Amino acid sequence: MEFLRRTAAEPTVTTVRASTSPDNVASLATIAGLGFVEVGEQWDEENGREVVFEVPVRRVPPT
């Protein structure tokens, strides 16, 4: 994913965070396939409960 590679090129960025609904199967599969790991949950006023994932930028494949 280009966004992750571009983010990894920024020296001040160490972690990328993503969140999605626990019912969004497609997003969960994409996030898992990119190496994100679940780190918690949050409440979004618009979308309700979301699962939060992170991946260290050092794990992002180079371009």
C-alpha atoms as a PDB file:
ATOM      1  CA  MET A   1       0.000   0.000   0.000  1.00  0.00           C
ATOM      2  CA  GLU A   2       1.525   3.263  -1.162  1.00  0.00           C
ATOM      3  CA  PHE A   3       0.328   5.217   1.873  1.00  0.00           C
ATOM      4  CA  LEU A   4       2.305   2.955   4.212  1.00  0.00           C
ATOM      5  CA  ARG A   5       5.469   3.190   2.121  1.00  0.00           C
ATOM      6  CA  ARG A   6       5.241   6.980   1.989  1.00  0.00           C
ATOM      7  CA  THR A   7       4.635   7.141   5.721  1.00  0.00           C
ATOM      8  CA  ALA A   8       7.637   4.896   6.376  1.00  0.00           C
ATOM      9  CA  ALA A   9       9.811   7.377   4.471  1.00  0.00           C
ATOM     10  CA  GLU A  10       9.031  10.086   7.037  1.00  0.00           C
ATOM     11  CA  PRO A  11      11.777  10.009   9.699  1.00  0.00           C
ATOM     12  CA  THR A  12       9.509  11.261  12.486  1.00  0.00           C
ATOM     13  CA  VAL A  13       6.856   8.561  11.995  1.00  0.00           C
ATOM     14  CA  THR A  14       7.393   5.367  13.962  1.00  0.00           C
ATOM     15  CA  THR A  15       3.915   3.795  13.987  1.00  0.00           C
ATOM     16  CA  VAL A  16       0.853   3.777  11.739  1.00  0.00           C
ATOM     17  CA  ARG A  17      -2.552   3.376  13.378  1.00  0.00           C
ATOM     18  CA  ALA A  18      -5.782   2.182  11.763  1.00  0.00           C
ATOM     19  CA  SER A  19      -9.246   1.659  13.190  1.00  0.00           C
ATOM     20  CA  THR A  20     -12.356  -0.011  11.863  1.00  0.00           C
ATOM     21  CA  SER A  21     -15.668  -1.445  12.940  1.00  0.00           C
ATOM     22  CA  PRO A  22     -15.325  -4.973  14.346  1.00  0.00           C
ATOM     23  CA  ASP A  23     -17.989  -6.015  11.811  1.00  0.00           C
ATOM     24  CA  ASN A  24     -16.115  -4.745   8.738  1.00  0.00           C
ATOM     25  CA  VAL A  25     -14.710  -8.053   7.483  1.00  0.00           C
ATOM     26  CA  ALA A  26     -13.037  -6.589   4.385  1.00  0.00           C
ATOM     27  CA  SER A  27     -11.186  -3.900   6.347  1.00  0.00           C
ATOM     28  CA  LEU A  28     -10.137  -6.385   9.017  1.00  0.00           C
ATOM     29  CA  ALA A  29      -8.678  -8.677   6.339  1.00  0.00           C
ATOM     30  CA  THR A  30      -6.820  -5.799   4.678  1.00  0.00           C
ATOM     31  CA  ILE A  31      -5.410  -4.564   7.976  1.00  0.00           C
ATOM     32  CA  ALA A  32      -4.280  -8.064   8.979  1.00  0.00           C
ATOM     33  CA  GLY A  33      -2.687  -8.616   5.571  1.00  0.00           C
ATOM     34  CA  LEU A  34      -0.605  -5.470   6.030  1.00  0.00           C
ATOM     35  CA  GLY A  35       0.824  -6.678   9.327  1.00  0.00           C
ATOM     36  CA  PHE A  36      -1.224  -4.540  11.706  1.00  0.00           C
ATOM     37  CA  VAL A  37      -1.856  -5.921  15.182  1.00  0.00           C
ATOM     38  CA  GLU A  38      -4.785  -5.151  17.454  1.00  0.00           C
ATOM     39  CA  VAL A  39      -3.878  -2.784  20.295  1.00  0.00           C
ATOM     40  CA  GLY A  40      -7.249  -1.793  21.718  1.00  0.00           C
ATOM     41  CA  GLU A  41     -10.651  -0.265  21.111  1.00  0.00           C
ATOM     42  CA  GLN A  42     -12.131   3.211  20.883  1.00  0.00           C
ATOM     43  CA  TRP A  43     -15.552   4.782  20.651  1.00  0.00           C
ATOM     44  CA  ASP A  44     -16.261   6.877  17.570  1.00  0.00           C
ATOM     45  CA  GLU A  45     -19.200   9.292  17.896  1.00  0.00           C
ATOM     46  CA  GLU A  46     -20.274   8.614  14.315  1.00  0.00           C
ATOM     47  CA  ASN A  47     -19.429   4.937  13.857  1.00  0.00           C
ATOM     48  CA  GLY A  48     -19.606   3.498  17.378  1.00  0.00           C
ATOM     49  CA  ARG A  49     -17.164   0.863  18.610  1.00  0.00           C
ATOM     50  CA  GLU A  50     -13.956   0.530  16.620  1.00  0.00           C
ATOM     51  CA  VAL A  51     -11.007  -1.807  16.940  1.00  0.00           C
ATOM     52  CA  VAL A  52      -7.608  -0.068  16.857  1.00  0.00           C
ATOM     53  CA  PHE A  53      -4.578  -1.594  15.117  1.00  0.00           C
ATOM     54  CA  GLU A  54      -0.953  -0.510  14.769  1.00  0.00           C
ATOM     55  CA  VAL A  55       2.065  -1.447  12.699  1.00  0.00           C
ATOM     56  CA  PRO A  56       5.624  -0.180  13.243  1.00  0.00           C
ATOM     57  CA  VAL A  57       6.865   1.548  10.091  1.00  0.00           C
ATOM     58  CA  ARG A  58      10.040  -0.562  10.172  1.00  0.00           C
ATOM     59  CA  ARG A  59       7.822  -3.523   9.183  1.00  0.00           C
ATOM     60  CA  VAL A  60       6.478  -1.764   6.070  1.00  0.00           C
ATOM     61  CA  PRO A  61       8.020  -3.218   2.877  1.00  0.00           C
ATOM     62  CA  PRO A  62      10.278  -0.764   0.994  1.00  0.00           C
ATOM     63  CA  THR A  63       9.264   0.616  -2.411  1.00  0.00           C
END
